[in-house]
Amino acid sequence: MTGPETSPTVEDLAAEALAMARTVATAVREDVLHRLAPQERMGPERLLRMLDAREIFDAPVLDHLASLERRLVERITEGTFMADRFEGGDGNVSPVLWQEPRMTEEADALSSALAVLLELNFLLEAIQDRLAAEAAMEALRQAL
């Protein structure tokens, strides 16, 4: 548990979220949009407009992030497969065979975009939680 002296302020979280929004916008532009069918781009393009306008604290942003997250997870899952690995060398008495998950190039790029998208979502939810806690404490103080 962090103490008040080490806990980031709402302003700190907001500044971090604004910086992360730029990273998310770049990831969506570079790694996501061209991999979506034209009819799938409307939501992500709307999200980009909000990010570019720095309107990341409005409620619809979380909805658009969640929608894009679901779509990315689906596409990453489709692009992930199990590959057989084999290690047999001169020193191995019995060869070793195992499977490990692999991703297509598309799934790998979408995975990178998903990581920054989740980080932004986490920051925005932390800000909302912090503001809700502050409002609850103020209401409690008023009631006393």
C-alpha atoms as a PDB file:
ATOM      1  CA  MET A   1       0.000   0.000   0.000  1.00  0.00           C
ATOM      2  CA  THR A   2       1.351   3.405  -0.891  1.00  0.00           C
ATOM      3  CA  GLY A   3       1.210   6.298   1.492  1.00  0.00           C
ATOM      4  CA  PRO A   4      -0.022   9.779   0.645  1.00  0.00           C
ATOM      5  CA  GLU A   5       3.549  10.986   0.281  1.00  0.00           C
ATOM      6  CA  THR A   6       4.273   8.492  -2.513  1.00  0.00           C
ATOM      7  CA  SER A   7       0.857   8.227  -4.133  1.00  0.00           C
ATOM      8  CA  PRO A   8       0.488  10.135  -7.410  1.00  0.00           C
ATOM      9  CA  THR A   9      -2.002  12.979  -7.451  1.00  0.00           C
ATOM     10  CA  VAL A  10      -4.947  13.131  -9.823  1.00  0.00           C
ATOM     11  CA  GLU A  11      -2.993  15.751 -11.744  1.00  0.00           C
ATOM     12  CA  ASP A  12      -0.003  13.396 -12.025  1.00  0.00           C
ATOM     13  CA  LEU A  13      -2.246  10.602 -13.305  1.00  0.00           C
ATOM     14  CA  ALA A  14      -3.941  12.970 -15.756  1.00  0.00           C
ATOM     15  CA  ALA A  15      -0.617  14.169 -17.155  1.00  0.00           C
ATOM     16  CA  GLU A  16       0.523  10.565 -17.565  1.00  0.00           C
ATOM     17  CA  ALA A  17      -2.778   9.661 -19.261  1.00  0.00           C
ATOM     18  CA  LEU A  18      -2.473  12.555 -21.714  1.00  0.00           C
ATOM     19  CA  ALA A  19       1.037  11.437 -22.642  1.00  0.00           C
ATOM     20  CA  MET A  20      -0.121   7.830 -22.987  1.00  0.00           C
ATOM     21  CA  ALA A  21      -3.017   8.967 -25.194  1.00  0.00           C
ATOM     22  CA  ARG A  22      -0.475  10.175 -27.752  1.00  0.00           C
ATOM     23  CA  THR A  23       1.185   6.750 -27.712  1.00  0.00           C
ATOM     24  CA  VAL A  24      -2.176   5.024 -28.119  1.00  0.00           C
ATOM     25  CA  ALA A  25      -3.087   7.290 -31.038  1.00  0.00           C
ATOM     26  CA  THR A  26       0.174   6.395 -32.763  1.00  0.00           C
ATOM     27  CA  ALA A  27      -0.361   2.680 -32.136  1.00  0.00           C
ATOM     28  CA  VAL A  28      -3.899   2.822 -33.510  1.00  0.00           C
ATOM     29  CA  ARG A  29      -2.722   4.689 -36.617  1.00  0.00           C
ATOM     30  CA  GLU A  30       0.373   2.582 -37.258  1.00  0.00           C
ATOM     31  CA  ASP A  31      -0.598  -0.895 -36.068  1.00  0.00           C
ATOM     32  CA  VAL A  32      -4.380  -1.157 -36.036  1.00  0.00           C
ATOM     33  CA  LEU A  33      -6.387   0.843 -38.571  1.00  0.00           C
ATOM     34  CA  HIS A  34      -4.957  -0.654 -41.759  1.00  0.00           C
ATOM     35  CA  ARG A  35      -5.533  -4.144 -40.346  1.00  0.00           C
ATOM     36  CA  LEU A  36      -9.269  -3.558 -39.891  1.00  0.00           C
ATOM     37  CA  ALA A  37     -11.935  -3.855 -42.534  1.00  0.00           C
ATOM     38  CA  PRO A  38     -13.334  -0.455 -43.568  1.00  0.00           C
ATOM     39  CA  GLN A  39     -16.610  -1.085 -41.704  1.00  0.00           C
ATOM     40  CA  GLU A  40     -14.621  -1.891 -38.519  1.00  0.00           C
ATOM     41  CA  ARG A  41     -12.718   1.415 -38.538  1.00  0.00           C
ATOM     42  CA  MET A  42     -15.515   3.778 -37.505  1.00  0.00           C
ATOM     43  CA  GLY A  43     -15.117   3.254 -33.737  1.00  0.00           C
ATOM     44  CA  PRO A  44     -11.305   3.397 -33.725  1.00  0.00           C
ATOM     45  CA  GLU A  45     -11.371   6.500 -35.951  1.00  0.00           C
ATOM     46  CA  ARG A  46     -13.793   8.169 -33.534  1.00  0.00           C
ATOM     47  CA  LEU A  47     -11.445   7.221 -30.685  1.00  0.00           C
ATOM     48  CA  LEU A  48      -8.544   8.789 -32.603  1.00  0.00           C
ATOM     49  CA  ARG A  49     -10.455  12.048 -32.992  1.00  0.00           C
ATOM     50  CA  MET A  50     -11.062  12.131 -29.219  1.00  0.00           C
ATOM     51  CA  LEU A  51      -7.418  11.356 -28.476  1.00  0.00           C
ATOM     52  CA  ASP A  52      -6.209  14.003 -30.923  1.00  0.00           C
ATOM     53  CA  ALA A  53      -8.566  16.563 -29.380  1.00  0.00           C
ATOM     54  CA  ARG A  54      -7.212  15.597 -25.922  1.00  0.00           C
ATOM     55  CA  GLU A  55     -10.768  14.707 -24.826  1.00  0.00           C
ATOM     56  CA  ILE A  56      -9.651  11.579 -23.037  1.00  0.00           C
ATOM     57  CA  PHE A  57     -11.495  12.193 -19.781  1.00  0.00           C
ATOM     58  CA  ASP A  58     -14.962  12.000 -21.353  1.00  0.00           C
ATOM     59  CA  ALA A  59     -16.960   8.823 -20.661  1.00  0.00           C
ATOM     60  CA  PRO A  60     -17.209   7.700 -24.327  1.00  0.00           C
ATOM     61  CA  VAL A  61     -13.430   7.248 -24.468  1.00  0.00           C
ATOM     62  CA  LEU A  62     -13.595   4.328 -22.027  1.00  0.00           C
ATOM     63  CA  ASP A  63     -16.362   2.761 -24.125  1.00  0.00           C
ATOM     64  CA  HIS A  64     -14.308   3.099 -27.310  1.00  0.00           C
ATOM     65  CA  LEU A  65     -11.212   1.734 -25.575  1.00  0.00           C
ATOM     66  CA  ALA A  66     -13.184  -1.289 -24.308  1.00  0.00           C
ATOM     67  CA  SER A  67     -14.665  -1.930 -27.731  1.00  0.00           C
ATOM     68  CA  LEU A  68     -11.275  -1.746 -29.433  1.00  0.00           C
ATOM     69  CA  GLU A  69      -9.759  -3.923 -26.718  1.00  0.00           C
ATOM     70  CA  ARG A  70     -12.330  -6.661 -27.400  1.00  0.00           C
ATOM     71  CA  ARG A  71     -11.676  -6.469 -31.141  1.00  0.00           C
ATOM     72  CA  LEU A  72      -7.905  -6.614 -30.668  1.00  0.00           C
ATOM     73  CA  VAL A  73      -8.084  -9.557 -28.271  1.00  0.00           C
ATOM     74  CA  GLU A  74     -10.235 -11.410 -30.781  1.00  0.00           C
ATOM     75  CA  ARG A  75      -7.826 -10.739 -33.653  1.00  0.00           C
ATOM     76  CA  ILE A  76      -4.767 -11.596 -31.527  1.00  0.00           C
ATOM     77  CA  THR A  77      -6.384 -14.865 -30.469  1.00  0.00           C
ATOM     78  CA  GLU A  78      -7.110 -15.696 -34.110  1.00  0.00           C
ATOM     79  CA  GLY A  79      -3.471 -14.985 -34.989  1.00  0.00           C
ATOM     80  CA  THR A  80      -1.971 -17.075 -32.205  1.00  0.00           C
ATOM     81  CA  PHE A  81      -1.103 -20.721 -32.767  1.00  0.00           C
ATOM     82  CA  MET A  82       0.928 -23.460 -31.126  1.00  0.00           C
ATOM     83  CA  ALA A  83       4.208 -24.313 -32.838  1.00  0.00           C
ATOM     84  CA  ASP A  84       6.175 -27.487 -32.270  1.00  0.00           C
ATOM     85  CA  ARG A  85       9.712 -26.920 -31.057  1.00  0.00           C
ATOM     86  CA  PHE A  86      12.401 -29.528 -31.220  1.00  0.00           C
ATOM     87  CA  GLU A  87      15.778 -29.571 -29.568  1.00  0.00           C
ATOM     88  CA  GLY A  88      17.992 -32.361 -30.617  1.00  0.00           C
ATOM     89  CA  GLY A  89      21.697 -32.033 -30.527  1.00  0.00           C
ATOM     90  CA  ASP A  90      24.739 -34.202 -30.329  1.00  0.00           C
ATOM     91  CA  GLY A  91      24.721 -33.980 -26.546  1.00  0.00           C
ATOM     92  CA  ASN A  92      21.043 -34.841 -26.142  1.00  0.00           C
ATOM     93  CA  VAL A  93      20.418 -38.491 -25.387  1.00  0.00           C
ATOM     94  CA  SER A  94      16.699 -38.064 -25.948  1.00  0.00           C
ATOM     95  CA  PRO A  95      15.430 -35.217 -28.132  1.00  0.00           C
ATOM     96  CA  VAL A  96      13.129 -32.715 -26.476  1.00  0.00           C
ATOM     97  CA  LEU A  97       9.865 -31.763 -28.146  1.00  0.00           C
ATOM     98  CA  TRP A  98       7.506 -29.087 -26.856  1.00  0.00           C
ATOM     99  CA  GLN A  99       4.965 -26.588 -28.063  1.00  0.00           C
ATOM    100  CA  GLU A 100       4.994 -22.858 -27.577  1.00  0.00           C
ATOM    101  CA  PRO A 101       2.581 -20.154 -28.625  1.00  0.00           C
ATOM    102  CA  ARG A 102       3.512 -18.102 -31.676  1.00  0.00           C
ATOM    103  CA  MET A 103       1.851 -15.097 -33.239  1.00  0.00           C
ATOM    104  CA  THR A 104       1.463 -13.996 -36.780  1.00  0.00           C
ATOM    105  CA  GLU A 105       3.074 -10.656 -37.629  1.00  0.00           C
ATOM    106  CA  GLU A 106      -0.375  -9.048 -37.516  1.00  0.00           C
ATOM    107  CA  ALA A 107      -1.201 -10.492 -34.096  1.00  0.00           C
ATOM    108  CA  ASP A 108       2.169  -9.351 -32.767  1.00  0.00           C
ATOM    109  CA  ALA A 109       1.595  -5.767 -33.950  1.00  0.00           C
ATOM    110  CA  LEU A 110      -1.935  -5.771 -32.539  1.00  0.00           C
ATOM    111  CA  SER A 111      -0.566  -7.130 -29.272  1.00  0.00           C
ATOM    112  CA  SER A 112       1.781  -4.155 -28.969  1.00  0.00           C
ATOM    113  CA  ALA A 113      -1.099  -1.774 -29.619  1.00  0.00           C
ATOM    114  CA  LEU A 114      -3.236  -3.600 -27.055  1.00  0.00           C
ATOM    115  CA  ALA A 115      -0.555  -3.161 -24.384  1.00  0.00           C
ATOM    116  CA  VAL A 116      -0.547   0.642 -24.611  1.00  0.00           C
ATOM    117  CA  LEU A 117      -4.327   0.749 -24.958  1.00  0.00           C
ATOM    118  CA  LEU A 118      -4.682  -1.218 -21.703  1.00  0.00           C
ATOM    119  CA  GLU A 119      -2.241   1.105 -19.973  1.00  0.00           C
ATOM    120  CA  LEU A 120      -4.282   4.159 -20.967  1.00  0.00           C
ATOM    121  CA  ASN A 121      -7.470   2.434 -19.859  1.00  0.00           C
ATOM    122  CA  PHE A 122      -5.867   1.640 -16.496  1.00  0.00           C
ATOM    123  CA  LEU A 123      -4.816   5.262 -15.996  1.00  0.00           C
ATOM    124  CA  LEU A 124      -8.252   6.624 -16.894  1.00  0.00           C
ATOM    125  CA  GLU A 125      -9.943   4.192 -14.519  1.00  0.00           C
ATOM    126  CA  ALA A 126      -7.469   5.125 -11.758  1.00  0.00           C
ATOM    127  CA  ILE A 127      -8.354   8.800 -12.258  1.00  0.00           C
ATOM    128  CA  GLN A 128     -12.066   8.048 -12.062  1.00  0.00           C
ATOM    129  CA  ASP A 129     -11.541   5.969  -8.925  1.00  0.00           C
ATOM    130  CA  ARG A 130      -9.467   8.690  -7.296  1.00  0.00           C
ATOM    131  CA  LEU A 131     -12.063  11.372  -8.109  1.00  0.00           C
ATOM    132  CA  ALA A 132     -14.882   9.163  -6.823  1.00  0.00           C
ATOM    133  CA  ALA A 133     -12.967   8.564  -3.592  1.00  0.00           C
ATOM    134  CA  GLU A 134     -12.361  12.281  -3.166  1.00  0.00           C
ATOM    135  CA  ALA A 135     -16.067  13.016  -3.749  1.00  0.00           C
ATOM    136  CA  ALA A 136     -17.095  10.327  -1.260  1.00  0.00           C
ATOM    137  CA  MET A 137     -14.724  11.734   1.354  1.00  0.00           C
ATOM    138  CA  GLU A 138     -16.044  15.247   0.812  1.00  0.00           C
ATOM    139  CA  ALA A 139     -19.631  13.990   1.202  1.00  0.00           C
ATOM    140  CA  LEU A 140     -18.616  12.220   4.404  1.00  0.00           C
ATOM    141  CA  ARG A 141     -17.008  15.389   5.751  1.00  0.00           C
ATOM    142  CA  GLN A 142     -20.135  17.382   4.947  1.00  0.00           C
ATOM    143  CA  ALA A 143     -22.289  14.832   6.771  1.00  0.00           C
ATOM    144  CA  LEU A 144     -20.229  15.113   9.973  1.00  0.00           C
END
